[in-house]
Amino acid sequence: MHKETSVSFRLCNHFKQYAAFTAFFTSDSDLAFKIQPEKGILEPYGREGTQFILSYTPTEYGAPKSATLIVLSDDMQWSYIVKGTH
């Protein structure tokens, strides 16, 4: 409780060029989730990928929390359902 847990993942563009992106949670997502970076450049296809850090800090007991993470570039949109537990 009140302790942050983080996981990282990498994502690259589906094309062979760099792409500007924004990363955010939908408005119905629980506020216990955070994503870093929120803006930046995705590496092109075939590269290691841009690193994202997803953090979860539960503040109360009860049902598991969830969120929908969107990573948006000019040409693509990635959508992830994220679930957090105690």
C-alpha atoms as a PDB file:
ATOM      1  CA  MET A   1       0.000   0.000   0.000  1.00  0.00           C
ATOM      2  CA  HIS A   2       1.315   3.454  -0.977  1.00  0.00           C
ATOM      3  CA  LYS A   3       4.419   1.830  -2.494  1.00  0.00           C
ATOM      4  CA  GLU A   4       5.223   2.338  -6.136  1.00  0.00           C
ATOM      5  CA  THR A   5       5.866  -0.675  -8.340  1.00  0.00           C
ATOM      6  CA  SER A   6       7.193  -0.224 -11.868  1.00  0.00           C
ATOM      7  CA  VAL A   7       7.697  -2.308 -14.979  1.00  0.00           C
ATOM      8  CA  SER A   8       9.397  -1.290 -18.177  1.00  0.00           C
ATOM      9  CA  PHE A   9       8.740  -2.209 -21.768  1.00  0.00           C
ATOM     10  CA  ARG A  10      10.059  -1.149 -25.145  1.00  0.00           C
ATOM     11  CA  LEU A  11       8.085  -0.068 -28.190  1.00  0.00           C
ATOM     12  CA  CYS A  12       9.287   0.801 -31.661  1.00  0.00           C
ATOM     13  CA  ASN A  13       7.524   2.378 -34.602  1.00  0.00           C
ATOM     14  CA  HIS A  14       6.037  -0.013 -37.157  1.00  0.00           C
ATOM     15  CA  PHE A  15       7.864   1.857 -39.899  1.00  0.00           C
ATOM     16  CA  LYS A  16      11.576   2.376 -40.592  1.00  0.00           C
ATOM     17  CA  GLN A  17      11.597   5.978 -39.406  1.00  0.00           C
ATOM     18  CA  TYR A  18      11.504   7.753 -36.084  1.00  0.00           C
ATOM     19  CA  ALA A  19       8.068   8.955 -34.949  1.00  0.00           C
ATOM     20  CA  ALA A  20       6.972  11.518 -32.385  1.00  0.00           C
ATOM     21  CA  PHE A  21       4.502  10.103 -29.841  1.00  0.00           C
ATOM     22  CA  THR A  22       2.355  10.974 -26.854  1.00  0.00           C
ATOM     23  CA  ALA A  23       1.501   8.425 -24.153  1.00  0.00           C
ATOM     24  CA  PHE A  24      -1.481   8.855 -21.846  1.00  0.00           C
ATOM     25  CA  PHE A  25      -4.243   7.053 -19.977  1.00  0.00           C
ATOM     26  CA  THR A  26      -7.881   7.380 -20.964  1.00  0.00           C
ATOM     27  CA  SER A  27     -10.120   9.500 -18.735  1.00  0.00           C
ATOM     28  CA  ASP A  28     -11.775   6.434 -17.156  1.00  0.00           C
ATOM     29  CA  SER A  29      -8.401   5.057 -15.986  1.00  0.00           C
ATOM     30  CA  ASP A  30      -7.492   4.823 -12.320  1.00  0.00           C
ATOM     31  CA  LEU A  31      -5.144   7.586 -11.128  1.00  0.00           C
ATOM     32  CA  ALA A  32      -2.837   5.044  -9.446  1.00  0.00           C
ATOM     33  CA  PHE A  33      -1.084   4.499 -12.811  1.00  0.00           C
ATOM     34  CA  LYS A  34       1.625   6.694 -14.355  1.00  0.00           C
ATOM     35  CA  ILE A  35       3.605   6.411 -17.597  1.00  0.00           C
ATOM     36  CA  GLN A  36       7.016   7.860 -18.460  1.00  0.00           C
ATOM     37  CA  PRO A  37       7.848   9.362 -20.862  1.00  0.00           C
ATOM     38  CA  GLU A  38       4.583  11.046 -21.818  1.00  0.00           C
ATOM     39  CA  LYS A  39       6.102  12.473 -25.013  1.00  0.00           C
ATOM     40  CA  GLY A  40       9.109  11.625 -27.095  1.00  0.00           C
ATOM     41  CA  ILE A  41      10.397   9.845 -30.186  1.00  0.00           C
ATOM     42  CA  LEU A  42       9.785   6.170 -30.996  1.00  0.00           C
ATOM     43  CA  GLU A  43      12.738   4.338 -32.484  1.00  0.00           C
ATOM     44  CA  PRO A  44      12.198   2.938 -35.984  1.00  0.00           C
ATOM     45  CA  TYR A  45      11.231  -0.649 -36.760  1.00  0.00           C
ATOM     46  CA  GLY A  46      14.158  -3.045 -36.323  1.00  0.00           C
ATOM     47  CA  ARG A  47      15.734  -1.098 -33.468  1.00  0.00           C
ATOM     48  CA  GLU A  48      15.696  -1.905 -29.740  1.00  0.00           C
ATOM     49  CA  GLY A  49      12.710   0.383 -29.144  1.00  0.00           C
ATOM     50  CA  THR A  50      11.947   3.352 -26.925  1.00  0.00           C
ATOM     51  CA  GLN A  51      11.756   2.446 -23.235  1.00  0.00           C
ATOM     52  CA  PHE A  52       8.587   3.180 -21.261  1.00  0.00           C
ATOM     53  CA  ILE A  53       8.194   2.865 -17.506  1.00  0.00           C
ATOM     54  CA  LEU A  54       4.726   2.049 -16.199  1.00  0.00           C
ATOM     55  CA  SER A  55       4.223   2.731 -12.474  1.00  0.00           C
ATOM     56  CA  TYR A  56       1.434   1.693 -10.134  1.00  0.00           C
ATOM     57  CA  THR A  57       0.889   3.073  -6.626  1.00  0.00           C
ATOM     58  CA  PRO A  58      -2.210   1.651  -4.896  1.00  0.00           C
ATOM     59  CA  THR A  59      -3.714   3.942  -2.259  1.00  0.00           C
ATOM     60  CA  GLU A  60      -6.562   1.778  -0.949  1.00  0.00           C
ATOM     61  CA  TYR A  61      -7.582  -1.836  -0.512  1.00  0.00           C
ATOM     62  CA  GLY A  62     -10.363  -3.287  -2.590  1.00  0.00           C
ATOM     63  CA  ALA A  63     -10.918  -4.437  -6.127  1.00  0.00           C
ATOM     64  CA  PRO A  64      -7.969  -4.480  -8.537  1.00  0.00           C
ATOM     65  CA  LYS A  65      -7.477  -1.210 -10.413  1.00  0.00           C
ATOM     66  CA  SER A  66      -7.275  -0.900 -14.182  1.00  0.00           C
ATOM     67  CA  ALA A  67      -6.353   1.641 -16.813  1.00  0.00           C
ATOM     68  CA  THR A  68      -6.154   1.959 -20.579  1.00  0.00           C
ATOM     69  CA  LEU A  69      -2.803   3.203 -21.851  1.00  0.00           C
ATOM     70  CA  ILE A  70      -2.679   4.842 -25.282  1.00  0.00           C
ATOM     71  CA  VAL A  71       0.556   5.476 -27.196  1.00  0.00           C
ATOM     72  CA  LEU A  72      -0.236   7.685 -30.176  1.00  0.00           C
ATOM     73  CA  SER A  73       1.904   8.730 -33.144  1.00  0.00           C
ATOM     74  CA  ASP A  74       0.860  10.358 -36.413  1.00  0.00           C
ATOM     75  CA  ASP A  75       0.562   6.976 -38.152  1.00  0.00           C
ATOM     76  CA  MET A  76      -0.188   4.454 -35.391  1.00  0.00           C
ATOM     77  CA  GLN A  77      -2.045   3.965 -32.129  1.00  0.00           C
ATOM     78  CA  TRP A  78      -1.237   1.317 -29.526  1.00  0.00           C
ATOM     79  CA  SER A  79      -3.753   0.535 -26.785  1.00  0.00           C
ATOM     80  CA  TYR A  80      -3.017  -1.520 -23.651  1.00  0.00           C
ATOM     81  CA  ILE A  81      -5.298  -2.561 -20.814  1.00  0.00           C
ATOM     82  CA  VAL A  82      -3.277  -2.390 -17.597  1.00  0.00           C
ATOM     83  CA  LYS A  83      -4.330  -4.083 -14.351  1.00  0.00           C
ATOM     84  CA  GLY A  84      -2.858  -3.458 -10.917  1.00  0.00           C
ATOM     85  CA  THR A  85      -3.153  -5.583  -7.787  1.00  0.00           C
ATOM     86  CA  HIS A  86      -1.914  -5.279  -4.216  1.00  0.00           C
END
